[in-house]
Amino acid sequence: MADHELKLEEAGEWDRFLQTAEQVLGEPWETLKHSPLADDFFSEVMHAMYPTRYEETMSWYSSRAGDTSGVGTSAAEVTADIEKMLARRAAGKTLFVVVDEVSQYIFQNTGRMLGAAIVCIGAGSAAKGARVAAGNRAAEARR
């Protein structure tokens, strides 16, 4: 869902989404987005915002059935999204990426390890610095 939130930000519709969410759902999106029913709530808001595109309250949700959002996303795409989010939400801030409990998972696969390192290096160039570590190996980028 974060991907769709970012798309709304890029389209200049985020503030409208937040206002519509509060009107339609009776609570702020910041609270509801953590609910197990967040996808359902998101769909309700999208229906309210775009009733001709999403004719039923669950049309947005149904249109994404089986979506594996994020699967196949390249490290460069993730880095670009991080840069956009930092520019909008935390300009001038430092981003720290901690790879802790999953370090064994990525360490055993060179592609995953390199992907994590590339994301952090790219994020490091966009922010003040980033670091990823897995076991005794580390890839570090500082601005």
C-alpha atoms as a PDB file:
ATOM      1  CA  MET A   1       0.000   0.000   0.000  1.00  0.00           C
ATOM      2  CA  ALA A   2       2.937   2.332   0.631  1.00  0.00           C
ATOM      3  CA  ASP A   3       3.607   2.232  -3.108  1.00  0.00           C
ATOM      4  CA  HIS A   4       0.108   3.542  -3.779  1.00  0.00           C
ATOM      5  CA  GLU A   5       0.486   6.215  -1.114  1.00  0.00           C
ATOM      6  CA  LEU A   6       3.652   7.368  -2.881  1.00  0.00           C
ATOM      7  CA  LYS A   7       1.825   7.427  -6.223  1.00  0.00           C
ATOM      8  CA  LEU A   8      -0.861   9.637  -4.693  1.00  0.00           C
ATOM      9  CA  GLU A   9       1.849  11.971  -3.375  1.00  0.00           C
ATOM     10  CA  GLU A  10       3.485  12.134  -6.806  1.00  0.00           C
ATOM     11  CA  ALA A  11       0.119  12.908  -8.411  1.00  0.00           C
ATOM     12  CA  GLY A  12      -0.509  15.724  -5.921  1.00  0.00           C
ATOM     13  CA  GLU A  13      -3.520  13.866  -4.494  1.00  0.00           C
ATOM     14  CA  TRP A  14      -2.151  12.906  -1.051  1.00  0.00           C
ATOM     15  CA  ASP A  15      -3.717  15.750   0.930  1.00  0.00           C
ATOM     16  CA  ARG A  16      -7.049  15.089  -0.776  1.00  0.00           C
ATOM     17  CA  PHE A  17      -6.719  11.398   0.089  1.00  0.00           C
ATOM     18  CA  LEU A  18      -6.089  12.209   3.759  1.00  0.00           C
ATOM     19  CA  GLN A  19      -9.088  14.539   3.905  1.00  0.00           C
ATOM     20  CA  THR A  20     -11.340  12.055   2.113  1.00  0.00           C
ATOM     21  CA  ALA A  21     -10.202   9.229   4.400  1.00  0.00           C
ATOM     22  CA  GLU A  22     -11.183  11.187   7.484  1.00  0.00           C
ATOM     23  CA  GLN A  23     -14.548  12.146   5.981  1.00  0.00           C
ATOM     24  CA  VAL A  24     -15.407   8.643   4.712  1.00  0.00           C
ATOM     25  CA  LEU A  25     -13.904   6.528   7.476  1.00  0.00           C
ATOM     26  CA  GLY A  26     -14.327   8.860  10.453  1.00  0.00           C
ATOM     27  CA  GLU A  27     -10.713   8.452  11.575  1.00  0.00           C
ATOM     28  CA  PRO A  28      -7.381   9.742  10.293  1.00  0.00           C
ATOM     29  CA  TRP A  29      -5.559   7.567   7.765  1.00  0.00           C
ATOM     30  CA  GLU A  30      -2.474   7.630  10.012  1.00  0.00           C
ATOM     31  CA  THR A  31      -4.438   5.525  12.508  1.00  0.00           C
ATOM     32  CA  LEU A  32      -6.263   3.264  10.056  1.00  0.00           C
ATOM     33  CA  LYS A  33      -3.306   2.373   7.832  1.00  0.00           C
ATOM     34  CA  HIS A  34      -2.019   0.041  10.573  1.00  0.00           C
ATOM     35  CA  SER A  35      -5.262  -1.930  10.729  1.00  0.00           C
ATOM     36  CA  PRO A  36      -5.487  -5.463   9.330  1.00  0.00           C
ATOM     37  CA  LEU A  37      -8.301  -4.016   7.196  1.00  0.00           C
ATOM     38  CA  ALA A  38      -6.192  -1.156   5.803  1.00  0.00           C
ATOM     39  CA  ASP A  39      -6.512  -2.408   2.206  1.00  0.00           C
ATOM     40  CA  ASP A  40     -10.301  -2.363   2.535  1.00  0.00           C
ATOM     41  CA  PHE A  41     -10.220   1.150   3.977  1.00  0.00           C
ATOM     42  CA  PHE A  42      -7.877   2.342   1.225  1.00  0.00           C
ATOM     43  CA  SER A  43     -10.298   0.969  -1.364  1.00  0.00           C
ATOM     44  CA  GLU A  44     -13.217   2.816   0.240  1.00  0.00           C
ATOM     45  CA  VAL A  45     -11.329   6.088   0.041  1.00  0.00           C
ATOM     46  CA  MET A  46     -10.270   5.512  -3.572  1.00  0.00           C
ATOM     47  CA  HIS A  47     -13.928   4.829  -4.456  1.00  0.00           C
ATOM     48  CA  ALA A  48     -14.959   8.095  -2.795  1.00  0.00           C
ATOM     49  CA  MET A  49     -12.241  10.013  -4.655  1.00  0.00           C
ATOM     50  CA  TYR A  50     -12.746   8.364  -8.047  1.00  0.00           C
ATOM     51  CA  PRO A  51     -16.318   6.985  -8.157  1.00  0.00           C
ATOM     52  CA  THR A  52     -16.374   6.507 -11.940  1.00  0.00           C
ATOM     53  CA  ARG A  53     -13.059   4.631 -11.956  1.00  0.00           C
ATOM     54  CA  TYR A  54     -13.819   2.536  -8.862  1.00  0.00           C
ATOM     55  CA  GLU A  55     -17.582   2.067  -9.084  1.00  0.00           C
ATOM     56  CA  GLU A  56     -17.918  -0.114  -5.964  1.00  0.00           C
ATOM     57  CA  THR A  57     -16.279   0.440  -2.577  1.00  0.00           C
ATOM     58  CA  MET A  58     -14.069  -2.622  -3.069  1.00  0.00           C
ATOM     59  CA  SER A  59     -13.267  -2.035  -6.757  1.00  0.00           C
ATOM     60  CA  TRP A  60      -9.783  -0.668  -6.068  1.00  0.00           C
ATOM     61  CA  TYR A  61      -9.009  -3.641  -3.827  1.00  0.00           C
ATOM     62  CA  SER A  62     -10.415  -6.158  -6.324  1.00  0.00           C
ATOM     63  CA  SER A  63      -8.462  -4.605  -9.190  1.00  0.00           C
ATOM     64  CA  ARG A  64      -5.259  -5.499  -7.348  1.00  0.00           C
ATOM     65  CA  ALA A  65      -6.176  -9.062  -6.388  1.00  0.00           C
ATOM     66  CA  GLY A  66      -3.088 -11.224  -6.743  1.00  0.00           C
ATOM     67  CA  ASP A  67      -0.817  -8.202  -7.054  1.00  0.00           C
ATOM     68  CA  THR A  68       2.656  -8.971  -5.806  1.00  0.00           C
ATOM     69  CA  SER A  69       3.639  -5.363  -5.302  1.00  0.00           C
ATOM     70  CA  GLY A  70       7.347  -5.017  -4.781  1.00  0.00           C
ATOM     71  CA  VAL A  71       8.218  -8.406  -6.241  1.00  0.00           C
ATOM     72  CA  GLY A  72      10.674  -7.888  -9.067  1.00  0.00           C
ATOM     73  CA  THR A  73      11.349  -4.294  -8.088  1.00  0.00           C
ATOM     74  CA  SER A  74      14.982  -3.464  -8.755  1.00  0.00           C
ATOM     75  CA  ALA A  75      17.356  -1.943  -6.229  1.00  0.00           C
ATOM     76  CA  ALA A  76      17.505   1.170  -8.422  1.00  0.00           C
ATOM     77  CA  GLU A  77      13.701   1.544  -8.305  1.00  0.00           C
ATOM     78  CA  VAL A  78      13.678   1.148  -4.530  1.00  0.00           C
ATOM     79  CA  THR A  79      16.459   3.715  -4.220  1.00  0.00           C
ATOM     80  CA  ALA A  80      14.569   6.163  -6.452  1.00  0.00           C
ATOM     81  CA  ASP A  81      11.448   5.756  -4.306  1.00  0.00           C
ATOM     82  CA  ILE A  82      13.485   6.322  -1.136  1.00  0.00           C
ATOM     83  CA  GLU A  83      14.965   9.488  -2.635  1.00  0.00           C
ATOM     84  CA  LYS A  84      11.486  10.797  -3.503  1.00  0.00           C
ATOM     85  CA  MET A  85      10.161  10.047  -0.024  1.00  0.00           C
ATOM     86  CA  LEU A  86      13.157  11.674   1.660  1.00  0.00           C
ATOM     87  CA  ALA A  87      12.816  14.790  -0.477  1.00  0.00           C
ATOM     88  CA  ARG A  88       9.129  15.146   0.437  1.00  0.00           C
ATOM     89  CA  ARG A  89       9.034  13.898   4.006  1.00  0.00           C
ATOM     90  CA  ALA A  90      12.474  14.313   5.533  1.00  0.00           C
ATOM     91  CA  ALA A  91      14.641  16.702   3.525  1.00  0.00           C
ATOM     92  CA  GLY A  92      18.075  17.068   5.082  1.00  0.00           C
ATOM     93  CA  LYS A  93      17.612  14.086   7.395  1.00  0.00           C
ATOM     94  CA  THR A  94      19.842  11.050   7.735  1.00  0.00           C
ATOM     95  CA  LEU A  95      18.528   7.636   6.782  1.00  0.00           C
ATOM     96  CA  PHE A  96      19.769   4.555   8.620  1.00  0.00           C
ATOM     97  CA  VAL A  97      18.960   1.143   7.180  1.00  0.00           C
ATOM     98  CA  VAL A  98      19.451  -1.707   9.626  1.00  0.00           C
ATOM     99  CA  VAL A  99      19.459  -5.267   8.346  1.00  0.00           C
ATOM    100  CA  ASP A 100      19.341  -7.335  11.497  1.00  0.00           C
ATOM    101  CA  GLU A 101      17.444 -10.601  11.795  1.00  0.00           C
ATOM    102  CA  VAL A 102      17.385 -11.131   8.036  1.00  0.00           C
ATOM    103  CA  SER A 103      21.152 -10.876   7.660  1.00  0.00           C
ATOM    104  CA  GLN A 104      21.538 -14.656   7.417  1.00  0.00           C
ATOM    105  CA  TYR A 105      18.911 -14.725   4.685  1.00  0.00           C
ATOM    106  CA  ILE A 106      20.616 -12.114   2.497  1.00  0.00           C
ATOM    107  CA  PHE A 107      24.188 -13.109   3.362  1.00  0.00           C
ATOM    108  CA  GLN A 108      23.723 -16.549   1.797  1.00  0.00           C
ATOM    109  CA  ASN A 109      22.665 -15.051  -1.521  1.00  0.00           C
ATOM    110  CA  THR A 110      25.078 -12.743  -3.325  1.00  0.00           C
ATOM    111  CA  GLY A 111      22.277 -11.129  -5.345  1.00  0.00           C
ATOM    112  CA  ARG A 112      20.292 -10.231  -2.242  1.00  0.00           C
ATOM    113  CA  MET A 113      23.388  -8.940  -0.460  1.00  0.00           C
ATOM    114  CA  LEU A 114      24.364  -6.786  -3.435  1.00  0.00           C
ATOM    115  CA  GLY A 115      20.781  -5.550  -3.793  1.00  0.00           C
ATOM    116  CA  ALA A 116      20.705  -4.469  -0.152  1.00  0.00           C
ATOM    117  CA  ALA A 117      24.082  -2.775  -0.535  1.00  0.00           C
ATOM    118  CA  ILE A 118      22.997  -0.959  -3.717  1.00  0.00           C
ATOM    119  CA  VAL A 119      19.844   0.343  -2.040  1.00  0.00           C
ATOM    120  CA  CYS A 120      21.848   1.645   0.910  1.00  0.00           C
ATOM    121  CA  ILE A 121      24.562   3.166  -1.250  1.00  0.00           C
ATOM    122  CA  GLY A 122      21.933   4.906  -3.376  1.00  0.00           C
ATOM    123  CA  ALA A 123      20.056   6.065  -0.297  1.00  0.00           C
ATOM    124  CA  GLY A 124      23.351   7.253   1.152  1.00  0.00           C
ATOM    125  CA  SER A 125      23.902   9.509  -1.823  1.00  0.00           C
ATOM    126  CA  ALA A 126      20.389  10.934  -1.439  1.00  0.00           C
ATOM    127  CA  ALA A 127      20.548  11.310   2.334  1.00  0.00           C
ATOM    128  CA  LYS A 128      23.476  12.077   4.602  1.00  0.00           C
ATOM    129  CA  GLY A 129      24.481   8.450   4.871  1.00  0.00           C
ATOM    130  CA  ALA A 130      23.313   4.887   4.991  1.00  0.00           C
ATOM    131  CA  ARG A 131      24.736   1.618   6.173  1.00  0.00           C
ATOM    132  CA  VAL A 132      23.833  -2.012   5.665  1.00  0.00           C
ATOM    133  CA  ALA A 133      25.565  -4.822   7.516  1.00  0.00           C
ATOM    134  CA  ALA A 134      25.110  -8.592   7.406  1.00  0.00           C
ATOM    135  CA  GLY A 135      27.194 -10.720   9.738  1.00  0.00           C
ATOM    136  CA  ASN A 136      30.805  -9.565   9.602  1.00  0.00           C
ATOM    137  CA  ARG A 137      30.479  -8.005   6.173  1.00  0.00           C
ATOM    138  CA  ALA A 138      29.321  -4.444   5.645  1.00  0.00           C
ATOM    139  CA  ALA A 139      28.688  -2.094   2.777  1.00  0.00           C
ATOM    140  CA  GLU A 140      28.763   1.518   3.779  1.00  0.00           C
ATOM    141  CA  ALA A 141      28.065   4.786   1.996  1.00  0.00           C
ATOM    142  CA  ARG A 142      28.504   8.213   3.425  1.00  0.00           C
ATOM    143  CA  ARG A 143      27.893  11.564   1.854  1.00  0.00           C
END
